Amino acid sequence: VGLHPPLSHQQAGARMKILPTEIPDVLILEPEVFEDERGFFLESYNKRRFEEQGIHIEFIQDNHSLSVSTGTLRGLHYQLPPRAQTKLVRVLAGSIFDVAVDLRPDSSTLGQWVGVTLSAENKQQLLIPKGFAHGFYTLEPNTQVAYKVDDYYSIEHDRGIRWNDPDIGISWPSNSPILSAKDETSPYWRQVISEGGGGGL
């Protein structure tokens, strides 16, 4: 993702900070928050502000999940091309350990992962490009996660990788999360590669 210097506050209105992660294409976005005795206001998404930062993505669907229990793990999920998705993830209530895994076959960081704590308190968002698997672990009860995607859900292209795949080696907060039956039996990465998927990306 190409970045350009942000405009001044007077020019841009609400500004957005872009913070790097260990994988260059995965970005932490931090909106400007206006707070007073009533609470706060922020722009969670503004297409023009994104484009001023060199981020040109057409989001077309919003998703929203509630995880009642602490220790719920959802992932690792991705969609195959041509229905691969960019995701913009944020937390409305509670907090998560949010993870992106690079599945791009020509990437110098193939198989590497990055984890970021997103919370209703820090109001940060994680921008996860196409070609990554995504998952998160809830750190508080009744955690609500919302994320934008730039392609629709497609059951034919929906794929997953086992959350505790030893070749990826994610350092989750717990080794005994609450999982769906689907996530509990997702294939390992080596199995995906042996079947010709290579992450499918």
Protein backbone atom coordinates (compact mmCIF):
# COMPACT_ATOMS: atom_id res chain seq x y z
CA VAL A 1 0.00 0.00 0.00
CA GLY A 2 1.53 3.32 -1.01
CA LEU A 3 1.43 6.07 1.59
CA HIS A 4 1.51 9.83 1.21
CA PRO A 5 2.12 12.51 3.88
CA PRO A 6 -1.13 13.38 5.65
CA LEU A 7 -2.68 16.79 5.13
CA SER A 8 -2.81 19.37 7.89
CA HIS A 9 -5.70 19.26 10.35
CA GLN A 10 -7.33 22.27 8.70
CA GLN A 11 -7.05 20.64 5.28
CA ALA A 12 -8.01 17.11 6.18
CA GLY A 13 -10.45 17.50 9.05
CA ALA A 14 -10.23 14.36 11.18
CA ARG A 15 -6.79 12.89 10.67
CA MET A 16 -5.69 9.26 10.68
CA LYS A 17 -2.35 7.92 11.87
CA ILE A 18 -0.83 4.94 10.07
CA LEU A 19 1.36 2.73 12.24
CA PRO A 20 3.60 0.00 10.78
CA THR A 21 3.65 -3.67 11.75
CA GLU A 22 6.31 -6.34 11.23
CA ILE A 23 4.68 -7.16 7.88
CA PRO A 24 4.79 -3.95 5.81
CA ASP A 25 1.46 -4.38 4.03
CA VAL A 26 -0.48 -4.94 7.27
CA LEU A 27 -1.25 -1.53 8.77
CA ILE A 28 -2.57 -0.24 12.08
CA LEU A 29 -4.88 2.71 11.54
CA GLU A 30 -5.53 5.10 14.39
CA PRO A 31 -8.31 7.66 13.86
CA GLU A 32 -8.29 11.05 15.49
CA VAL A 33 -10.65 10.99 18.49
CA PHE A 34 -12.53 14.06 19.71
CA GLU A 35 -13.47 13.68 23.37
CA ASP A 36 -15.32 15.80 25.89
CA GLU A 37 -17.45 15.30 28.99
CA ARG A 38 -20.19 13.70 26.86
CA GLY A 39 -18.00 11.00 25.36
CA PHE A 40 -16.20 10.90 22.02
CA PHE A 41 -16.56 11.19 18.27
CA LEU A 42 -14.40 9.67 15.53
CA GLU A 43 -14.53 8.85 11.85
CA SER A 44 -14.17 5.07 11.69
CA TYR A 45 -14.06 5.22 7.90
CA ASN A 46 -13.79 8.05 5.41
CA LYS A 47 -12.99 7.07 1.83
CA ARG A 48 -11.47 10.45 1.01
CA ARG A 49 -9.18 10.39 4.07
CA PHE A 50 -8.04 6.88 3.14
CA GLU A 51 -7.27 7.93 -0.41
CA GLU A 52 -5.30 10.93 0.86
CA GLN A 53 -3.09 8.36 2.59
CA GLY A 54 -2.72 6.32 -0.60
CA ILE A 55 -5.19 3.60 0.44
CA HIS A 56 -7.56 2.98 -2.48
CA ILE A 57 -10.01 0.25 -1.47
CA GLU A 58 -13.69 -0.06 -2.32
CA PHE A 59 -15.33 -1.62 0.74
CA ILE A 60 -18.72 -3.17 -0.07
CA GLN A 61 -19.78 -5.19 2.98
CA ASP A 62 -19.75 -4.72 6.76
CA ASN A 63 -19.65 -7.67 9.17
CA HIS A 64 -20.33 -7.64 12.92
CA SER A 65 -19.74 -10.42 15.45
CA LEU A 66 -20.40 -10.89 19.17
CA SER A 67 -18.30 -13.31 21.19
CA VAL A 68 -19.90 -13.84 24.60
CA SER A 69 -16.99 -15.57 26.33
CA THR A 70 -13.41 -14.53 26.89
CA GLY A 71 -11.10 -16.91 25.04
CA THR A 72 -13.22 -17.29 21.91
CA LEU A 73 -11.05 -17.78 18.83
CA ARG A 74 -12.37 -17.20 15.31
CA GLY A 75 -10.05 -18.17 12.45
CA LEU A 76 -7.89 -18.54 10.58
CA HIS A 77 -10.11 -17.55 7.62
CA TYR A 78 -9.56 -16.37 4.06
CA GLN A 79 -11.19 -16.53 0.63
CA LEU A 80 -9.62 -17.82 -2.56
CA PRO A 81 -9.16 -15.58 -5.60
CA PRO A 82 -10.97 -14.16 -7.42
CA ARG A 83 -13.00 -13.56 -4.23
CA ALA A 84 -10.10 -12.74 -1.89
CA GLN A 85 -10.93 -10.00 0.62
CA THR A 86 -9.18 -7.01 2.13
CA LYS A 87 -10.39 -6.51 5.71
CA LEU A 88 -10.53 -3.45 7.95
CA VAL A 89 -11.07 -4.70 11.50
CA ARG A 90 -12.07 -2.76 14.62
CA VAL A 91 -13.55 -3.50 18.05
CA LEU A 92 -16.79 -1.93 19.25
CA ALA A 93 -16.82 -3.49 22.73
CA GLY A 94 -14.15 -5.43 24.62
CA SER A 95 -10.79 -6.34 23.08
CA ILE A 96 -9.10 -8.91 20.86
CA PHE A 97 -5.71 -10.23 19.87
CA ASP A 98 -6.04 -9.84 16.10
CA VAL A 99 -3.84 -11.89 13.76
CA ALA A 100 -2.96 -11.76 10.06
CA VAL A 101 -0.96 -14.54 8.34
CA ASP A 102 0.77 -13.92 5.01
CA LEU A 103 -0.27 -16.58 2.47
CA ARG A 104 0.99 -14.78 -0.66
CA PRO A 105 3.25 -17.24 -2.51
CA ASP A 106 5.61 -14.59 -3.88
CA SER A 107 5.91 -12.64 -0.62
CA SER A 108 9.17 -12.29 1.32
CA THR A 109 7.10 -12.73 4.49
CA LEU A 110 5.21 -15.86 3.34
CA GLY A 111 4.07 -17.86 6.37
CA GLN A 112 4.81 -15.07 8.82
CA TRP A 113 2.17 -13.58 11.11
CA VAL A 114 1.54 -10.35 12.95
CA GLY A 115 -0.62 -9.91 16.05
CA VAL A 116 -2.11 -6.66 17.32
CA THR A 117 -4.32 -5.88 20.31
CA LEU A 118 -7.43 -4.01 19.17
CA SER A 119 -9.87 -2.70 21.73
CA ALA A 120 -12.83 -0.41 22.18
CA GLU A 121 -10.51 1.66 24.34
CA ASN A 122 -7.59 2.14 21.92
CA LYS A 123 -9.92 2.48 18.90
CA GLN A 124 -7.24 1.20 16.52
CA GLN A 125 -8.07 -0.71 13.36
CA LEU A 126 -6.10 -3.33 11.45
CA LEU A 127 -5.97 -3.20 7.66
CA ILE A 128 -5.37 -6.72 6.30
CA PRO A 129 -4.76 -6.96 2.53
CA LYS A 130 -5.86 -9.69 0.18
CA GLY A 131 -3.65 -12.75 0.45
CA PHE A 132 -3.75 -13.02 4.25
CA ALA A 133 -5.57 -15.37 6.58
CA HIS A 134 -7.25 -13.64 9.52
CA GLY A 135 -8.25 -14.67 13.01
CA PHE A 136 -8.79 -13.20 16.45
CA TYR A 137 -8.93 -14.21 20.12
CA THR A 138 -11.22 -12.37 22.50
CA LEU A 139 -9.59 -10.91 25.62
CA GLU A 140 -12.83 -9.84 27.33
CA PRO A 141 -16.41 -11.13 27.58
CA ASN A 142 -19.08 -9.77 25.25
CA THR A 143 -16.56 -8.56 22.70
CA GLN A 144 -18.02 -7.12 19.51
CA VAL A 145 -15.92 -6.95 16.35
CA ALA A 146 -16.85 -5.10 13.17
CA TYR A 147 -14.99 -5.27 9.90
CA LYS A 148 -15.33 -4.01 6.36
CA VAL A 149 -14.47 -6.16 3.33
CA ASP A 150 -14.01 -5.33 -0.34
CA ASP A 151 -15.70 -8.46 -1.73
CA TYR A 152 -18.79 -10.40 -0.74
CA TYR A 153 -18.72 -13.63 1.22
CA SER A 154 -18.52 -16.64 -1.08
CA ILE A 155 -19.07 -20.10 0.35
CA GLU A 156 -17.34 -21.64 -2.69
CA HIS A 157 -14.15 -19.66 -1.98
CA ASP A 158 -14.27 -19.77 1.82
CA ARG A 159 -11.21 -21.50 3.33
CA GLY A 160 -9.49 -21.92 6.67
CA ILE A 161 -6.20 -22.98 8.24
CA ARG A 162 -5.85 -24.57 11.69
CA TRP A 163 -5.48 -21.90 14.37
CA ASN A 164 -2.52 -23.67 16.05
CA ASP A 165 -0.66 -24.74 12.90
CA PRO A 166 2.90 -25.49 14.08
CA ASP A 167 4.45 -24.26 10.81
CA ILE A 168 2.92 -20.83 11.42
CA GLY A 169 3.44 -20.83 15.17
CA ILE A 170 1.12 -18.06 16.33
CA SER A 171 1.60 -17.09 19.99
CA TRP A 172 -2.06 -17.00 21.00
CA PRO A 173 -2.93 -15.83 24.53
CA SER A 174 -4.17 -19.35 25.33
CA ASN A 175 -3.66 -22.88 24.03
CA SER A 176 -7.23 -23.90 24.86
CA PRO A 177 -9.56 -21.42 23.14
CA ILE A 178 -13.27 -21.77 22.49
CA LEU A 179 -13.65 -22.84 18.86
CA SER A 180 -16.38 -23.60 16.37
CA ALA A 181 -16.50 -27.15 15.01
CA LYS A 182 -15.42 -25.78 11.64
CA ASP A 183 -12.35 -23.97 13.01
CA GLU A 184 -11.41 -26.92 15.19
CA THR A 185 -11.05 -29.17 12.12
CA SER A 186 -9.58 -26.75 9.58
CA PRO A 187 -6.68 -28.21 7.56
CA TYR A 188 -3.05 -27.49 8.35
CA TRP A 189 -1.08 -25.30 6.00
CA ARG A 190 1.04 -28.20 4.70
CA GLN A 191 -2.13 -30.06 3.80
CA VAL A 192 -3.42 -27.03 1.92
CA ILE A 193 -0.12 -26.74 0.03
CA SER A 194 -0.01 -30.47 -0.78
CA GLU A 195 -3.47 -30.21 -2.29
CA GLY A 196 -2.24 -27.49 -4.62
CA GLY A 197 -3.66 -24.54 -2.68
CA GLY A 198 -0.46 -22.97 -1.37
CA GLY A 199 -2.79 -20.85 0.67
CA GLY A 200 -4.81 -20.64 -2.52
CA LEU A 201 -3.45 -17.17 -3.19
